[in-house]
Amino acid sequence: MHPSPTTSPTPEALAAFAVELAQAVRPISRRWFRHPLEIESKADLSPVTIADREIEQALRQRIAERFPLHGILGEEFGLAHGEAEYVWSIDPIDGTRSFISGYPLWGTLLALLHHGAPVLGVIDVPVLNECWVGVRGLGTHLNGEPCHTGARGNLSDATLYATTPDIFDAAELAVFDALSRRVGMRRFGGDCYSYALLAAGHVDLVMEAGLQPYDYLALAPVIEGAGGVITDWQGRALTLSSGSRVLAAANPELHRQALDVIRAAPPG
């Protein structure tokens, strides 16, 4: 039985619905992956395909049918009813460049905001059949099993990820390089999958810039529910109005050390 659209659903019911959403659109992304696609460029020159739009439209329809009073923010079709108590955030394909290149580490991101704060997040990676769900107060689960971030507490032992150095401007890249020099290993690639790996205890730090709210809102409940910390570069919690710079760490101590390096780096 589905929750009434006029009552406040339980966190468990919302999590189940979010997983249902992610699973419902997997066939769409799988159908288009590694198949010829017409690629368009948006105003910011980022690529978009029919797969992005088809997935977001399907998600919007399902959300509106189940929760007509909820707002929706999506990468491809913008914000509707942003004043609502609950607002869903959708990134239909996080990692479109990976998607159109045949690289499998892309995913669908879903978040639910309550009064502007993310309380539920989903990172779904269809090709690998992996789905991370984080819910405030209920922890984070990978395919139904609890998962936790790692315990490394020293930067010198840490693995740092970013999708690509191209996401940073010159000043941001100087800060990223400063942190890179302090860690044990630096890796690139992964888009949202880097954050999923952090939640599962395989990656210690992710540092990025140039992100939009639909890129990072789903990440917060997943990372935090697994025991990690995710903020902007000033250490502030992520919200709809956060800037474009994100720092995720496996634990509070590692986050503190990374912030210290960022604050001591050249300003930008």
C-alpha atoms as a PDB file:
ATOM      1  CA  MET A   1       0.000   0.000   0.000  1.00  0.00           C
ATOM      2  CA  HIS A   2       1.431   3.355  -1.017  1.00  0.00           C
ATOM      3  CA  PRO A   3       1.555   6.258   1.481  1.00  0.00           C
ATOM      4  CA  SER A   4      -1.106   8.914   1.062  1.00  0.00           C
ATOM      5  CA  PRO A   5       0.154  11.989  -0.818  1.00  0.00           C
ATOM      6  CA  THR A   6      -1.364  14.206   1.883  1.00  0.00           C
ATOM      7  CA  THR A   7       0.431  12.628   4.846  1.00  0.00           C
ATOM      8  CA  SER A   8       4.088  12.631   5.816  1.00  0.00           C
ATOM      9  CA  PRO A   9       5.593   9.291   4.725  1.00  0.00           C
ATOM     10  CA  THR A  10       7.978   7.439   6.995  1.00  0.00           C
ATOM     11  CA  PRO A  11      11.709   7.449   6.215  1.00  0.00           C
ATOM     12  CA  GLU A  12      11.486   3.732   5.479  1.00  0.00           C
ATOM     13  CA  ALA A  13       8.674   4.281   2.983  1.00  0.00           C
ATOM     14  CA  LEU A  14      10.551   7.097   1.290  1.00  0.00           C
ATOM     15  CA  ALA A  15      13.691   4.975   1.021  1.00  0.00           C
ATOM     16  CA  ALA A  16      11.719   2.109  -0.503  1.00  0.00           C
ATOM     17  CA  PHE A  17      10.139   4.480  -3.008  1.00  0.00           C
ATOM     18  CA  ALA A  18      13.517   5.959  -3.926  1.00  0.00           C
ATOM     19  CA  VAL A  19      14.911   2.487  -4.639  1.00  0.00           C
ATOM     20  CA  GLU A  20      11.796   1.751  -6.669  1.00  0.00           C
ATOM     21  CA  LEU A  21      12.446   4.902  -8.703  1.00  0.00           C
ATOM     22  CA  ALA A  22      16.064   3.989  -9.386  1.00  0.00           C
ATOM     23  CA  GLN A  23      15.185   0.463 -10.441  1.00  0.00           C
ATOM     24  CA  ALA A  24      12.369   1.672 -12.674  1.00  0.00           C
ATOM     25  CA  VAL A  25      14.684   3.718 -14.895  1.00  0.00           C
ATOM     26  CA  ARG A  26      17.560   1.244 -15.088  1.00  0.00           C
ATOM     27  CA  PRO A  27      16.147  -0.314 -18.290  1.00  0.00           C
ATOM     28  CA  ILE A  28      16.198   3.105 -19.970  1.00  0.00           C
ATOM     29  CA  SER A  29      19.839   3.838 -19.242  1.00  0.00           C
ATOM     30  CA  ARG A  30      20.894   0.284 -20.046  1.00  0.00           C
ATOM     31  CA  ARG A  31      19.039   0.421 -23.355  1.00  0.00           C
ATOM     32  CA  TRP A  32      20.938   3.509 -24.482  1.00  0.00           C
ATOM     33  CA  PHE A  33      24.345   2.698 -22.995  1.00  0.00           C
ATOM     34  CA  ARG A  34      26.965   1.877 -25.660  1.00  0.00           C
ATOM     35  CA  HIS A  35      24.428   2.496 -28.413  1.00  0.00           C
ATOM     36  CA  PRO A  36      24.642   5.287 -30.998  1.00  0.00           C
ATOM     37  CA  LEU A  37      23.316   8.531 -29.532  1.00  0.00           C
ATOM     38  CA  GLU A  38      22.864  12.038 -30.806  1.00  0.00           C
ATOM     39  CA  ILE A  39      24.805  14.252 -28.425  1.00  0.00           C
ATOM     40  CA  GLU A  40      23.768  17.852 -27.873  1.00  0.00           C
ATOM     41  CA  SER A  41      25.588  20.617 -26.033  1.00  0.00           C
ATOM     42  CA  LYS A  42      23.786  22.672 -23.398  1.00  0.00           C
ATOM     43  CA  ALA A  43      24.414  26.358 -22.785  1.00  0.00           C
ATOM     44  CA  ASP A  44      27.329  25.524 -20.480  1.00  0.00           C
ATOM     45  CA  LEU A  45      28.745  23.208 -23.187  1.00  0.00           C
ATOM     46  CA  SER A  46      28.075  20.088 -21.112  1.00  0.00           C
ATOM     47  CA  PRO A  47      26.708  17.154 -23.142  1.00  0.00           C
ATOM     48  CA  VAL A  48      23.130  15.884 -22.971  1.00  0.00           C
ATOM     49  CA  THR A  49      21.417  12.959 -24.680  1.00  0.00           C
ATOM     50  CA  ILE A  50      17.937  11.553 -25.156  1.00  0.00           C
ATOM     51  CA  ALA A  51      18.787   9.091 -22.380  1.00  0.00           C
ATOM     52  CA  ASP A  52      19.213  11.925 -19.846  1.00  0.00           C
ATOM     53  CA  ARG A  53      15.863  13.430 -20.791  1.00  0.00           C
ATOM     54  CA  GLU A  54      13.966  10.157 -20.979  1.00  0.00           C
ATOM     55  CA  ILE A  55      15.167   9.080 -17.535  1.00  0.00           C
ATOM     56  CA  GLU A  56      14.322  12.400 -15.900  1.00  0.00           C
ATOM     57  CA  GLN A  57      10.872  12.497 -17.495  1.00  0.00           C
ATOM     58  CA  ALA A  58      10.120   8.996 -16.220  1.00  0.00           C
ATOM     59  CA  LEU A  59      11.271   9.884 -12.710  1.00  0.00           C
ATOM     60  CA  ARG A  60       9.276  13.108 -12.653  1.00  0.00           C
ATOM     61  CA  GLN A  61       6.142  11.292 -13.735  1.00  0.00           C
ATOM     62  CA  ARG A  62       6.453   8.638 -11.048  1.00  0.00           C
ATOM     63  CA  ILE A  63       7.178  11.182  -8.310  1.00  0.00           C
ATOM     64  CA  ALA A  64       4.247  13.380  -9.345  1.00  0.00           C
ATOM     65  CA  GLU A  65       1.902  10.393  -9.377  1.00  0.00           C
ATOM     66  CA  ARG A  66       2.924   9.214  -5.913  1.00  0.00           C
ATOM     67  CA  PHE A  67       3.571  12.572  -4.233  1.00  0.00           C
ATOM     68  CA  PRO A  68       1.803  15.355  -6.139  1.00  0.00           C
ATOM     69  CA  LEU A  69       2.574  17.887  -3.394  1.00  0.00           C
ATOM     70  CA  HIS A  70       6.330  17.343  -3.629  1.00  0.00           C
ATOM     71  CA  GLY A  71       8.596  19.651  -5.599  1.00  0.00           C
ATOM     72  CA  ILE A  72      11.114  18.410  -8.155  1.00  0.00           C
ATOM     73  CA  LEU A  73      14.509  19.770  -9.218  1.00  0.00           C
ATOM     74  CA  GLY A  74      16.083  18.092 -12.227  1.00  0.00           C
ATOM     75  CA  GLU A  75      19.185  18.732 -14.288  1.00  0.00           C
ATOM     76  CA  GLU A  76      17.342  18.693 -17.598  1.00  0.00           C
ATOM     77  CA  PHE A  77      13.954  20.251 -16.790  1.00  0.00           C
ATOM     78  CA  GLY A  78      14.620  22.582 -13.866  1.00  0.00           C
ATOM     79  CA  LEU A  79      12.663  23.282 -10.686  1.00  0.00           C
ATOM     80  CA  ALA A  80       8.940  22.812 -10.121  1.00  0.00           C
ATOM     81  CA  HIS A  81       7.200  23.694  -6.840  1.00  0.00           C
ATOM     82  CA  GLY A  82      10.430  24.583  -5.105  1.00  0.00           C
ATOM     83  CA  GLU A  83       8.474  26.020  -2.180  1.00  0.00           C
ATOM     84  CA  ALA A  84       7.171  22.561  -1.210  1.00  0.00           C
ATOM     85  CA  GLU A  85       8.031  20.968   2.137  1.00  0.00           C
ATOM     86  CA  TYR A  86       9.595  18.035   0.277  1.00  0.00           C
ATOM     87  CA  VAL A  87      11.629  18.513  -2.907  1.00  0.00           C
ATOM     88  CA  TRP A  88      13.214  15.750  -4.980  1.00  0.00           C
ATOM     89  CA  SER A  89      16.520  16.322  -6.763  1.00  0.00           C
ATOM     90  CA  ILE A  90      17.303  14.347  -9.928  1.00  0.00           C
ATOM     91  CA  ASP A  91      20.483  13.881 -11.905  1.00  0.00           C
ATOM     92  CA  PRO A  92      19.372  11.317 -14.494  1.00  0.00           C
ATOM     93  CA  ILE A  93      22.888  10.435 -15.621  1.00  0.00           C
ATOM     94  CA  ASP A  94      25.679  11.717 -13.431  1.00  0.00           C
ATOM     95  CA  GLY A  95      28.671  11.245 -15.673  1.00  0.00           C
ATOM     96  CA  THR A  96      27.183  11.844 -19.114  1.00  0.00           C
ATOM     97  CA  ARG A  97      30.671  12.082 -20.604  1.00  0.00           C
ATOM     98  CA  SER A  98      31.433   8.628 -19.223  1.00  0.00           C
ATOM     99  CA  PHE A  99      28.075   7.359 -20.473  1.00  0.00           C
ATOM    100  CA  ILE A 100      28.622   8.515 -24.048  1.00  0.00           C
ATOM    101  CA  SER A 101      32.192   7.170 -23.974  1.00  0.00           C
ATOM    102  CA  GLY A 102      31.102   3.658 -23.018  1.00  0.00           C
ATOM    103  CA  TYR A 103      32.720   3.962 -19.573  1.00  0.00           C
ATOM    104  CA  PRO A 104      30.496   2.188 -17.004  1.00  0.00           C
ATOM    105  CA  LEU A 105      31.078   4.305 -13.882  1.00  0.00           C
ATOM    106  CA  TRP A 106      28.117   6.653 -14.266  1.00  0.00           C
ATOM    107  CA  GLY A 107      24.968   6.652 -12.185  1.00  0.00           C
ATOM    108  CA  THR A 108      21.548   8.058 -11.446  1.00  0.00           C
ATOM    109  CA  LEU A 109      21.367  10.396  -8.450  1.00  0.00           C
ATOM    110  CA  LEU A 110      18.223  10.978  -6.413  1.00  0.00           C
ATOM    111  CA  ALA A 111      17.850  13.096  -3.303  1.00  0.00           C
ATOM    112  CA  LEU A 112      14.934  14.138  -1.143  1.00  0.00           C
ATOM    113  CA  LEU A 113      15.096  17.463   0.661  1.00  0.00           C
ATOM    114  CA  HIS A 114      12.941  18.304   3.670  1.00  0.00           C
ATOM    115  CA  HIS A 115      12.717  22.040   4.280  1.00  0.00           C
ATOM    116  CA  GLY A 116      15.780  22.469   2.065  1.00  0.00           C
ATOM    117  CA  ALA A 117      18.061  19.900   3.729  1.00  0.00           C
ATOM    118  CA  PRO A 118      18.888  16.558   2.075  1.00  0.00           C
ATOM    119  CA  VAL A 119      17.521  13.697   4.192  1.00  0.00           C
ATOM    120  CA  LEU A 120      17.659  10.854   1.664  1.00  0.00           C
ATOM    121  CA  GLY A 121      20.083  10.064  -1.127  1.00  0.00           C
ATOM    122  CA  VAL A 122      20.472   7.368  -3.758  1.00  0.00           C
ATOM    123  CA  ILE A 123      23.497   6.593  -5.919  1.00  0.00           C
ATOM    124  CA  ASP A 124      22.434   3.949  -8.423  1.00  0.00           C
ATOM    125  CA  VAL A 125      25.023   2.428 -10.776  1.00  0.00           C
ATOM    126  CA  PRO A 126      23.012   0.354 -13.264  1.00  0.00           C
ATOM    127  CA  VAL A 127      25.843  -1.337 -15.163  1.00  0.00           C
ATOM    128  CA  LEU A 128      27.325  -2.727 -11.939  1.00  0.00           C
ATOM    129  CA  ASN A 129      23.926  -3.401 -10.347  1.00  0.00           C
ATOM    130  CA  GLU A 130      24.962  -1.412  -7.266  1.00  0.00           C
ATOM    131  CA  CYS A 131      22.618   0.879  -5.377  1.00  0.00           C
ATOM    132  CA  TRP A 132      23.615   2.979  -2.361  1.00  0.00           C
ATOM    133  CA  VAL A 133      20.798   4.391  -0.231  1.00  0.00           C
ATOM    134  CA  GLY A 134      21.434   6.801   2.626  1.00  0.00           C
ATOM    135  CA  VAL A 135      18.654   7.979   4.938  1.00  0.00           C
ATOM    136  CA  ARG A 136      19.060  10.365   7.836  1.00  0.00           C
ATOM    137  CA  GLY A 137      18.755   8.310  11.019  1.00  0.00           C
ATOM    138  CA  LEU A 138      18.814   4.955   9.213  1.00  0.00           C
ATOM    139  CA  GLY A 139      22.380   4.783   7.920  1.00  0.00           C
ATOM    140  CA  THR A 140      23.584   3.817   4.455  1.00  0.00           C
ATOM    141  CA  HIS A 141      23.056   0.520   2.674  1.00  0.00           C
ATOM    142  CA  LEU A 142      24.588  -0.965  -0.456  1.00  0.00           C
ATOM    143  CA  ASN A 143      22.156  -3.364  -2.119  1.00  0.00           C
ATOM    144  CA  GLY A 144      20.409  -3.752   1.223  1.00  0.00           C
ATOM    145  CA  GLU A 145      23.523  -4.364   3.326  1.00  0.00           C
ATOM    146  CA  PRO A 146      24.953  -1.752   5.745  1.00  0.00           C
ATOM    147  CA  CYS A 147      28.128  -0.072   4.568  1.00  0.00           C
ATOM    148  CA  HIS A 148      30.626   2.142   6.342  1.00  0.00           C
ATOM    149  CA  THR A 149      33.414   4.522   5.467  1.00  0.00           C
ATOM    150  CA  GLY A 150      37.059   3.769   6.201  1.00  0.00           C
ATOM    151  CA  ALA A 151      39.006   4.531   9.369  1.00  0.00           C
ATOM    152  CA  ARG A 152      42.251   5.989   7.965  1.00  0.00           C
ATOM    153  CA  GLY A 153      42.996   9.087   9.995  1.00  0.00           C
ATOM    154  CA  ASN A 154      46.130  10.458   8.335  1.00  0.00           C
ATOM    155  CA  LEU A 155      46.339  12.281   5.028  1.00  0.00           C
ATOM    156  CA  SER A 156      49.592  10.504   4.230  1.00  0.00           C
ATOM    157  CA  ASP A 157      47.703   7.194   4.103  1.00  0.00           C
ATOM    158  CA  ALA A 158      44.665   8.499   2.233  1.00  0.00           C
ATOM    159  CA  THR A 159      43.464   7.998  -1.326  1.00  0.00           C
ATOM    160  CA  LEU A 160      42.110  11.183  -2.929  1.00  0.00           C
ATOM    161  CA  TYR A 161      39.738  11.159  -5.893  1.00  0.00           C
ATOM    162  CA  ALA A 162      38.396  13.760  -8.324  1.00  0.00           C
ATOM    163  CA  THR A 163      36.550  13.159 -11.565  1.00  0.00           C
ATOM    164  CA  THR A 164      39.059  15.136 -13.644  1.00  0.00           C
ATOM    165  CA  PRO A 165      41.445  18.063 -13.097  1.00  0.00           C
ATOM    166  CA  ASP A 166      39.424  19.888 -15.757  1.00  0.00           C
ATOM    167  CA  ILE A 167      36.654  20.614 -13.231  1.00  0.00           C
ATOM    168  CA  PHE A 168      38.907  23.083 -11.388  1.00  0.00           C
ATOM    169  CA  ASP A 169      39.743  26.624 -12.411  1.00  0.00           C
ATOM    170  CA  ALA A 170      43.354  27.751 -11.963  1.00  0.00           C
ATOM    171  CA  ALA A 171      42.940  28.864  -8.340  1.00  0.00           C
ATOM    172  CA  GLU A 172      40.969  25.745  -7.402  1.00  0.00           C
ATOM    173  CA  LEU A 173      43.529  23.506  -9.074  1.00  0.00           C
ATOM    174  CA  ALA A 174      46.268  25.047  -6.929  1.00  0.00           C
ATOM    175  CA  VAL A 175      44.275  24.118  -3.819  1.00  0.00           C
ATOM    176  CA  PHE A 176      43.634  20.614  -5.110  1.00  0.00           C
ATOM    177  CA  ASP A 177      47.325  20.172  -5.880  1.00  0.00           C
ATOM    178  CA  ALA A 178      48.205  21.304  -2.353  1.00  0.00           C
ATOM    179  CA  LEU A 179      45.994  18.572  -0.913  1.00  0.00           C
ATOM    180  CA  SER A 180      47.263  16.056  -3.473  1.00  0.00           C
ATOM    181  CA  ARG A 181      50.826  16.543  -2.258  1.00  0.00           C
ATOM    182  CA  ARG A 182      49.785  15.536   1.255  1.00  0.00           C
ATOM    183  CA  VAL A 183      47.952  12.289   0.471  1.00  0.00           C
ATOM    184  CA  GLY A 184      49.223   8.807  -0.243  1.00  0.00           C
ATOM    185  CA  MET A 185      47.591   8.405  -3.644  1.00  0.00           C
ATOM    186  CA  ARG A 186      45.649  10.571  -6.103  1.00  0.00           C
ATOM    187  CA  ARG A 187      43.240   9.132  -8.651  1.00  0.00           C
ATOM    188  CA  PHE A 188      40.917  10.565 -11.307  1.00  0.00           C
ATOM    189  CA  GLY A 189      37.658   9.308 -12.779  1.00  0.00           C
ATOM    190  CA  GLY A 190      34.429   7.966 -11.386  1.00  0.00           C
ATOM    191  CA  ASP A 191      31.959  10.877 -11.191  1.00  0.00           C
ATOM    192  CA  CYS A 192      29.407   9.898  -8.512  1.00  0.00           C
ATOM    193  CA  TYR A 193      31.007   6.465  -8.160  1.00  0.00           C
ATOM    194  CA  SER A 194      33.962   7.972  -6.303  1.00  0.00           C
ATOM    195  CA  TYR A 195      31.595   9.066  -3.532  1.00  0.00           C
ATOM    196  CA  ALA A 196      29.946   5.645  -3.508  1.00  0.00           C
ATOM    197  CA  LEU A 197      33.352   4.033  -3.071  1.00  0.00           C
ATOM    198  CA  LEU A 198      34.047   6.407  -0.192  1.00  0.00           C
ATOM    199  CA  ALA A 199      30.797   5.352   1.490  1.00  0.00           C
ATOM    200  CA  ALA A 200      31.835   1.714   1.096  1.00  0.00           C
ATOM    201  CA  GLY A 201      35.252   2.257   2.691  1.00  0.00           C
ATOM    202  CA  HIS A 202      37.459   2.033  -0.411  1.00  0.00           C
ATOM    203  CA  VAL A 203      38.233   5.735  -0.961  1.00  0.00           C
ATOM    204  CA  ASP A 204      39.187   8.257   1.718  1.00  0.00           C
ATOM    205  CA  LEU A 205      38.720  11.695   0.156  1.00  0.00           C
ATOM    206  CA  VAL A 206      36.896  13.230  -2.799  1.00  0.00           C
ATOM    207  CA  MET A 207      37.459  16.872  -3.705  1.00  0.00           C
ATOM    208  CA  GLU A 208      35.624  18.555  -6.574  1.00  0.00           C
ATOM    209  CA  ALA A 209      34.416  21.878  -7.954  1.00  0.00           C
ATOM    210  CA  GLY A 210      32.044  23.071 -10.640  1.00  0.00           C
ATOM    211  CA  LEU A 211      29.132  21.066  -9.232  1.00  0.00           C
ATOM    212  CA  GLN A 212      25.431  21.900  -9.279  1.00  0.00           C
ATOM    213  CA  PRO A 213      22.945  21.051  -6.495  1.00  0.00           C
ATOM    214  CA  TYR A 214      21.643  18.004  -8.357  1.00  0.00           C
ATOM    215  CA  ASP A 215      25.253  16.757  -8.520  1.00  0.00           C
ATOM    216  CA  TYR A 216      25.870  16.777  -4.760  1.00  0.00           C
ATOM    217  CA  LEU A 217      22.560  16.700  -2.855  1.00  0.00           C
ATOM    218  CA  ALA A 218      22.180  12.917  -3.149  1.00  0.00           C
ATOM    219  CA  LEU A 219      25.736  12.377  -1.968  1.00  0.00           C
ATOM    220  CA  ALA A 220      25.293  13.934   1.475  1.00  0.00           C
ATOM    221  CA  PRO A 221      22.908  11.374   3.052  1.00  0.00           C
ATOM    222  CA  VAL A 222      24.893   8.495   1.525  1.00  0.00           C
ATOM    223  CA  ILE A 223      28.259   9.720   2.828  1.00  0.00           C
ATOM    224  CA  GLU A 224      26.976  10.849   6.223  1.00  0.00           C
ATOM    225  CA  GLY A 225      24.904   7.717   6.769  1.00  0.00           C
ATOM    226  CA  ALA A 226      28.028   5.622   6.231  1.00  0.00           C
ATOM    227  CA  GLY A 227      30.005   7.601   8.823  1.00  0.00           C
ATOM    228  CA  GLY A 228      31.692  10.131   6.562  1.00  0.00           C
ATOM    229  CA  VAL A 229      31.634  13.910   6.292  1.00  0.00           C
ATOM    230  CA  ILE A 230      30.728  15.970   3.226  1.00  0.00           C
ATOM    231  CA  THR A 231      30.733  19.772   3.080  1.00  0.00           C
ATOM    232  CA  ASP A 232      31.760  22.674   0.916  1.00  0.00           C
ATOM    233  CA  TRP A 233      35.397  23.789   1.008  1.00  0.00           C
ATOM    234  CA  GLN A 234      34.647  25.986   4.026  1.00  0.00           C
ATOM    235  CA  GLY A 235      33.299  23.075   6.031  1.00  0.00           C
ATOM    236  CA  ARG A 236      29.647  24.093   5.723  1.00  0.00           C
ATOM    237  CA  ALA A 237      26.822  21.589   5.266  1.00  0.00           C
ATOM    238  CA  LEU A 238      25.520  21.150   1.729  1.00  0.00           C
ATOM    239  CA  THR A 239      22.157  22.659   0.810  1.00  0.00           C
ATOM    240  CA  LEU A 240      20.361  23.829  -2.312  1.00  0.00           C
ATOM    241  CA  SER A 241      22.198  27.131  -2.056  1.00  0.00           C
ATOM    242  CA  SER A 242      25.711  25.774  -1.494  1.00  0.00           C
ATOM    243  CA  GLY A 243      28.425  26.754  -3.916  1.00  0.00           C
ATOM    244  CA  SER A 244      30.021  24.448  -6.449  1.00  0.00           C
ATOM    245  CA  ARG A 245      32.925  23.122  -4.333  1.00  0.00           C
ATOM    246  CA  VAL A 246      32.597  19.850  -2.427  1.00  0.00           C
ATOM    247  CA  LEU A 247      34.878  17.970  -0.039  1.00  0.00           C
ATOM    248  CA  ALA A 248      34.009  14.471   1.172  1.00  0.00           C
ATOM    249  CA  ALA A 249      36.012  12.527   3.745  1.00  0.00           C
ATOM    250  CA  ALA A 250      35.765   9.081   5.277  1.00  0.00           C
ATOM    251  CA  ASN A 251      35.750  10.400   8.844  1.00  0.00           C
ATOM    252  CA  PRO A 252      35.789  13.678  10.798  1.00  0.00           C
ATOM    253  CA  GLU A 253      39.536  13.601  11.518  1.00  0.00           C
ATOM    254  CA  LEU A 254      40.467  13.200   7.864  1.00  0.00           C
ATOM    255  CA  HIS A 255      37.999  15.936   6.951  1.00  0.00           C
ATOM    256  CA  ARG A 256      39.565  18.284   9.507  1.00  0.00           C
ATOM    257  CA  GLN A 257      43.061  17.675   8.158  1.00  0.00           C
ATOM    258  CA  ALA A 258      41.920  18.228   4.566  1.00  0.00           C
ATOM    259  CA  LEU A 259      40.168  21.472   5.510  1.00  0.00           C
ATOM    260  CA  ASP A 260      43.337  22.689   7.215  1.00  0.00           C
ATOM    261  CA  VAL A 261      45.251  22.186   3.962  1.00  0.00           C
ATOM    262  CA  ILE A 262      42.543  23.933   1.941  1.00  0.00           C
ATOM    263  CA  ARG A 263      42.511  26.920   4.287  1.00  0.00           C
ATOM    264  CA  ALA A 264      46.298  27.234   4.139  1.00  0.00           C
ATOM    265  CA  ALA A 265      46.412  26.975   0.340  1.00  0.00           C
ATOM    266  CA  PRO A 266      46.467  30.001  -1.985  1.00  0.00           C
ATOM    267  CA  PRO A 267      43.099  31.793  -1.861  1.00  0.00           C
ATOM    268  CA  GLY A 268      40.715  31.470  -4.758  1.00  0.00           C
END
